Amino acid sequence: MFKFAISLAVFVFACYTVFSMVSLQAELVQVRSQLSERKTAIEQKSAENENLKKLIKSGSEKDLIERMAREKLGYVYAGEEIFQNTEGK
């Protein structure tokens, strides 16, 4: 009876160990995937930073602010008329 109890305990421990290893492996795959996504995001942000640095160097700060307001936010001066090409050409 004692040998059976020890065998059962070893079997349960082995099952627990295998389950833990599989669980940790799955978590490792998930973390590596997140790491890859974050590295890609960092590369994109670095490229965006380089573009912004080039914009800053290309003109004065006022020109940069005006250009960004027009391009990104669609701002215009009061009384200014904007024409948009709706044909897509």
C-alpha atoms as a PDB file:
ATOM      1  CA  MET A   1       0.000   0.000   0.000  1.00  0.00           C
ATOM      2  CA  PHE A   2       2.849   2.399   0.839  1.00  0.00           C
ATOM      3  CA  LYS A   3       4.512   1.771  -2.552  1.00  0.00           C
ATOM      4  CA  PHE A   4       1.209   2.474  -4.299  1.00  0.00           C
ATOM      5  CA  ALA A   5       0.833   5.796  -2.461  1.00  0.00           C
ATOM      6  CA  ILE A   6       4.376   6.825  -3.391  1.00  0.00           C
ATOM      7  CA  SER A   7       3.826   5.762  -7.018  1.00  0.00           C
ATOM      8  CA  LEU A   8       0.592   7.741  -7.111  1.00  0.00           C
ATOM      9  CA  ALA A   9       2.313  10.797  -5.613  1.00  0.00           C
ATOM     10  CA  VAL A  10       5.140  10.567  -8.169  1.00  0.00           C
ATOM     11  CA  PHE A  11       2.589  10.201 -10.981  1.00  0.00           C
ATOM     12  CA  VAL A  12       0.597  13.223  -9.779  1.00  0.00           C
ATOM     13  CA  PHE A  13       3.794  15.246  -9.430  1.00  0.00           C
ATOM     14  CA  ALA A  14       4.875  14.238 -12.958  1.00  0.00           C
ATOM     15  CA  CYS A  15       1.471  15.223 -14.369  1.00  0.00           C
ATOM     16  CA  TYR A  16       1.624  18.560 -12.576  1.00  0.00           C
ATOM     17  CA  THR A  17       5.152  19.164 -13.883  1.00  0.00           C
ATOM     18  CA  VAL A  18       4.151  18.365 -17.467  1.00  0.00           C
ATOM     19  CA  PHE A  19       1.069  20.586 -17.219  1.00  0.00           C
ATOM     20  CA  SER A  20       3.165  23.436 -15.795  1.00  0.00           C
ATOM     21  CA  MET A  21       5.740  23.104 -18.560  1.00  0.00           C
ATOM     22  CA  VAL A  22       3.075  23.153 -21.276  1.00  0.00           C
ATOM     23  CA  SER A  23       1.419  26.151 -19.657  1.00  0.00           C
ATOM     24  CA  LEU A  24       4.712  28.019 -19.395  1.00  0.00           C
ATOM     25  CA  GLN A  25       5.553  27.202 -23.011  1.00  0.00           C
ATOM     26  CA  ALA A  26       2.214  28.648 -24.150  1.00  0.00           C
ATOM     27  CA  GLU A  27       2.833  31.768 -22.077  1.00  0.00           C
ATOM     28  CA  LEU A  28       6.329  32.075 -23.552  1.00  0.00           C
ATOM     29  CA  VAL A  29       4.917  31.954 -27.086  1.00  0.00           C
ATOM     30  CA  GLN A  30       2.419  34.677 -26.183  1.00  0.00           C
ATOM     31  CA  VAL A  31       5.080  36.894 -24.615  1.00  0.00           C
ATOM     32  CA  ARG A  32       7.351  36.473 -27.646  1.00  0.00           C
ATOM     33  CA  SER A  33       4.472  37.500 -29.875  1.00  0.00           C
ATOM     34  CA  GLN A  34       3.888  40.619 -27.773  1.00  0.00           C
ATOM     35  CA  LEU A  35       7.608  41.385 -27.887  1.00  0.00           C
ATOM     36  CA  SER A  36       7.592  41.147 -31.659  1.00  0.00           C
ATOM     37  CA  GLU A  37       4.576  43.467 -31.888  1.00  0.00           C
ATOM     38  CA  ARG A  38       6.215  45.987 -29.587  1.00  0.00           C
ATOM     39  CA  LYS A  39       9.480  45.894 -31.525  1.00  0.00           C
ATOM     40  CA  THR A  40       7.509  46.627 -34.693  1.00  0.00           C
ATOM     41  CA  ALA A  41       5.727  49.502 -32.939  1.00  0.00           C
ATOM     42  CA  ILE A  42       9.073  50.883 -31.740  1.00  0.00           C
ATOM     43  CA  GLU A  43      10.457  50.746 -35.280  1.00  0.00           C
ATOM     44  CA  GLN A  44       7.392  52.577 -36.603  1.00  0.00           C
ATOM     45  CA  LYS A  45       7.654  55.244 -33.913  1.00  0.00           C
ATOM     46  CA  SER A  46      11.373  55.643 -34.599  1.00  0.00           C
ATOM     47  CA  ALA A  47      10.648  56.176 -38.287  1.00  0.00           C
ATOM     48  CA  GLU A  48       7.926  58.668 -37.376  1.00  0.00           C
ATOM     49  CA  ASN A  49      10.367  60.495 -35.071  1.00  0.00           C
ATOM     50  CA  GLU A  50      12.921  60.697 -37.878  1.00  0.00           C
ATOM     51  CA  ASN A  51      10.287  62.147 -40.192  1.00  0.00           C
ATOM     52  CA  LEU A  52       9.329  64.713 -37.560  1.00  0.00           C
ATOM     53  CA  LYS A  53      12.984  65.642 -37.060  1.00  0.00           C
ATOM     54  CA  LYS A  54      13.291  66.195 -40.807  1.00  0.00           C
ATOM     55  CA  LEU A  55      10.159  68.366 -40.743  1.00  0.00           C
ATOM     56  CA  ILE A  56      11.569  70.425 -37.906  1.00  0.00           C
ATOM     57  CA  LYS A  57      14.846  70.946 -39.777  1.00  0.00           C
ATOM     58  CA  SER A  58      13.065  71.814 -43.030  1.00  0.00           C
ATOM     59  CA  GLY A  59      11.635  75.118 -41.844  1.00  0.00           C
ATOM     60  CA  SER A  60      10.863  77.400 -38.988  1.00  0.00           C
ATOM     61  CA  GLU A  61       8.770  76.289 -36.052  1.00  0.00           C
ATOM     62  CA  LYS A  62       5.859  78.480 -37.134  1.00  0.00           C
ATOM     63  CA  ASP A  63       5.897  76.925 -40.601  1.00  0.00           C
ATOM     64  CA  LEU A  64       5.967  73.469 -39.075  1.00  0.00           C
ATOM     65  CA  ILE A  65       3.027  74.206 -36.778  1.00  0.00           C
ATOM     66  CA  GLU A  66       1.024  75.672 -39.651  1.00  0.00           C
ATOM     67  CA  ARG A  67       1.821  72.757 -41.949  1.00  0.00           C
ATOM     68  CA  MET A  68       0.880  70.192 -39.304  1.00  0.00           C
ATOM     69  CA  ALA A  69      -2.348  72.031 -38.473  1.00  0.00           C
ATOM     70  CA  ARG A  70      -3.321  72.065 -42.131  1.00  0.00           C
ATOM     71  CA  GLU A  71      -2.274  68.510 -42.991  1.00  0.00           C
ATOM     72  CA  LYS A  72      -3.223  66.597 -39.863  1.00  0.00           C
ATOM     73  CA  LEU A  73      -6.080  68.637 -38.437  1.00  0.00           C
ATOM     74  CA  GLY A  74      -7.530  70.265 -41.566  1.00  0.00           C
ATOM     75  CA  TYR A  75      -7.298  73.793 -40.165  1.00  0.00           C
ATOM     76  CA  VAL A  76      -7.668  76.806 -42.450  1.00  0.00           C
ATOM     77  CA  TYR A  77      -7.476  80.554 -41.983  1.00  0.00           C
ATOM     78  CA  ALA A  78     -10.701  82.507 -41.517  1.00  0.00           C
ATOM     79  CA  GLY A  79     -12.167  83.411 -44.908  1.00  0.00           C
ATOM     80  CA  GLU A  80      -9.885  80.993 -46.736  1.00  0.00           C
ATOM     81  CA  GLU A  81     -11.578  78.777 -49.315  1.00  0.00           C
ATOM     82  CA  ILE A  82     -10.425  75.204 -49.760  1.00  0.00           C
ATOM     83  CA  PHE A  83     -11.187  73.217 -52.899  1.00  0.00           C
ATOM     84  CA  GLN A  84     -11.093  69.440 -52.855  1.00  0.00           C
ATOM     85  CA  ASN A  85     -10.729  67.190 -55.854  1.00  0.00           C
ATOM     86  CA  THR A  86     -13.642  64.757 -55.631  1.00  0.00           C
ATOM     87  CA  GLU A  87     -12.700  62.846 -58.794  1.00  0.00           C
ATOM     88  CA  GLY A  88      -9.784  61.169 -57.050  1.00  0.00           C
ATOM     89  CA  LYS A  89      -7.190  62.227 -59.635  1.00  0.00           C
END
